[in-house]
């Protein structure tokens, strides 16, 4: 990915497609392997990968050659809202997992 960003800078569509494919591969790996022992951490990691994949799909319309500032502004806010939702959900899940571990002992 670093090679793509450094040397293929004129082909933004290719960079974005590779980024989406890498997100999808990472999500598939997380679902298939479930690398953490606790199921809550696996769920949190899969959720974060889904959010990253969703945000990358929202970046697709930003690469068009017809520049529309209003459309780019709105799509940028959608990406920001996605990450706000992700942050709030992550905090809630982490607090929930912490409370479960606290009261389990």
Protein backbone atom coordinates (compact mmCIF):
# COMPACT_ATOMS: atom_id res chain seq x y z
CA UNK A 1 0.00 0.00 0.00
CA UNK A 2 2.87 2.37 0.76
CA UNK A 3 4.30 1.66 -2.69
CA UNK A 4 0.94 2.54 -4.22
CA UNK A 5 0.75 5.83 -2.33
CA UNK A 6 4.30 6.84 -3.22
CA UNK A 7 4.76 5.78 -6.82
CA UNK A 8 1.30 5.49 -8.35
CA UNK A 9 -0.02 8.84 -7.19
CA UNK A 10 -1.81 9.68 -10.44
CA UNK A 11 -4.07 6.63 -10.24
CA UNK A 12 -6.29 7.37 -7.25
CA UNK A 13 -8.92 4.88 -8.41
CA UNK A 14 -6.36 2.07 -8.27
CA UNK A 15 -5.18 3.11 -4.81
CA UNK A 16 -8.75 3.11 -3.53
CA UNK A 17 -9.57 -0.26 -5.08
CA UNK A 18 -6.46 -1.82 -3.53
CA UNK A 19 -7.36 -0.21 -0.18
CA UNK A 20 -10.89 -1.65 -0.33
CA UNK A 21 -9.57 -5.08 -1.30
CA UNK A 22 -7.07 -5.05 1.60
CA UNK A 23 -9.88 -4.06 3.98
CA UNK A 24 -11.99 -6.92 2.70
CA UNK A 25 -9.13 -9.41 3.04
CA UNK A 26 -8.48 -8.24 6.60
CA UNK A 27 -12.18 -8.56 7.45
CA UNK A 28 -12.29 -12.06 5.98
CA UNK A 29 -9.23 -13.03 8.01
CA UNK A 30 -10.76 -11.67 11.23
CA UNK A 31 -13.99 -13.59 10.65
CA UNK A 32 -12.27 -16.85 9.70
CA UNK A 33 -9.47 -16.94 12.27
CA UNK A 34 -10.88 -15.01 15.25
CA UNK A 35 -7.43 -14.31 16.68
CA UNK A 36 -8.48 -13.25 20.20
CA UNK A 37 -9.45 -15.60 22.99
CA UNK A 38 -12.37 -13.45 24.16
CA UNK A 39 -15.34 -13.35 21.85
CA UNK A 40 -16.03 -9.72 22.76
CA UNK A 41 -12.64 -8.64 21.42
CA UNK A 42 -13.20 -10.62 18.25
CA UNK A 43 -16.58 -8.93 17.81
CA UNK A 44 -15.02 -5.51 18.41
CA UNK A 45 -12.28 -6.15 15.88
CA UNK A 46 -14.74 -7.41 13.24
CA UNK A 47 -16.96 -4.38 13.89
CA UNK A 48 -13.98 -2.04 13.39
CA UNK A 49 -13.03 -3.76 10.15
CA UNK A 50 -16.62 -3.40 8.91
CA UNK A 51 -16.58 0.30 9.76
CA UNK A 52 -13.31 0.76 7.89
CA UNK A 53 -14.72 -1.06 4.86
CA UNK A 54 -17.90 1.03 4.97
CA UNK A 55 -15.90 4.25 5.18
CA UNK A 56 -13.76 3.19 2.22
CA UNK A 57 -16.90 2.63 0.16
CA UNK A 58 -17.99 6.17 0.98
CA UNK A 59 -14.69 7.41 -0.44
CA UNK A 60 -15.48 6.01 -3.90
CA UNK A 61 -17.61 8.98 -5.09
CA UNK A 62 -14.85 11.39 -4.06
CA UNK A 63 -12.54 10.18 -6.81
CA UNK A 64 -14.72 11.21 -9.74
CA UNK A 65 -13.39 13.68 -12.27
CA UNK A 66 -16.39 15.97 -12.06
CA UNK A 67 -15.58 17.97 -8.97
CA UNK A 68 -18.68 18.92 -7.02
CA UNK A 69 -17.76 20.65 -3.74
CA UNK A 70 -21.18 20.09 -2.17
CA UNK A 71 -21.08 16.37 -2.88
CA UNK A 72 -17.55 16.07 -1.50
CA UNK A 73 -18.56 18.06 1.56
CA UNK A 74 -21.53 15.78 2.25
CA UNK A 75 -19.55 12.58 1.67
CA UNK A 76 -16.83 13.84 3.98
CA UNK A 77 -19.40 14.38 6.70
CA UNK A 78 -20.78 10.87 6.16
CA UNK A 79 -17.29 9.48 6.76
CA UNK A 80 -16.93 11.62 9.89
CA UNK A 81 -20.32 10.42 11.17
CA UNK A 82 -19.33 6.82 10.51
CA UNK A 83 -16.20 7.24 12.63
CA UNK A 84 -18.12 9.05 15.38
CA UNK A 85 -20.55 6.12 15.48
CA UNK A 86 -17.61 3.72 15.56
CA UNK A 87 -15.92 5.57 18.41
CA UNK A 88 -19.05 5.75 20.54
CA UNK A 89 -19.82 2.08 19.89
CA UNK A 90 -16.24 1.06 20.70
CA UNK A 91 -16.33 2.92 24.01
CA UNK A 92 -19.69 1.31 24.89
CA UNK A 93 -18.43 -2.18 24.04
CA UNK A 94 -15.19 -1.70 25.98
CA UNK A 95 -17.06 -0.40 29.03
CA UNK A 96 -19.51 -3.30 28.75
CA UNK A 97 -16.71 -5.86 28.51
CA UNK A 98 -14.95 -4.22 31.45
CA UNK A 99 -18.10 -4.36 33.57
CA UNK A 100 -18.66 -8.00 32.67
CA UNK A 101 -15.10 -8.86 33.67
CA UNK A 102 -15.39 -6.78 36.85
CA UNK A 103 -18.57 -8.45 38.06
CA UNK A 104 -17.52 -11.92 36.89
CA UNK A 105 -14.67 -12.03 39.40
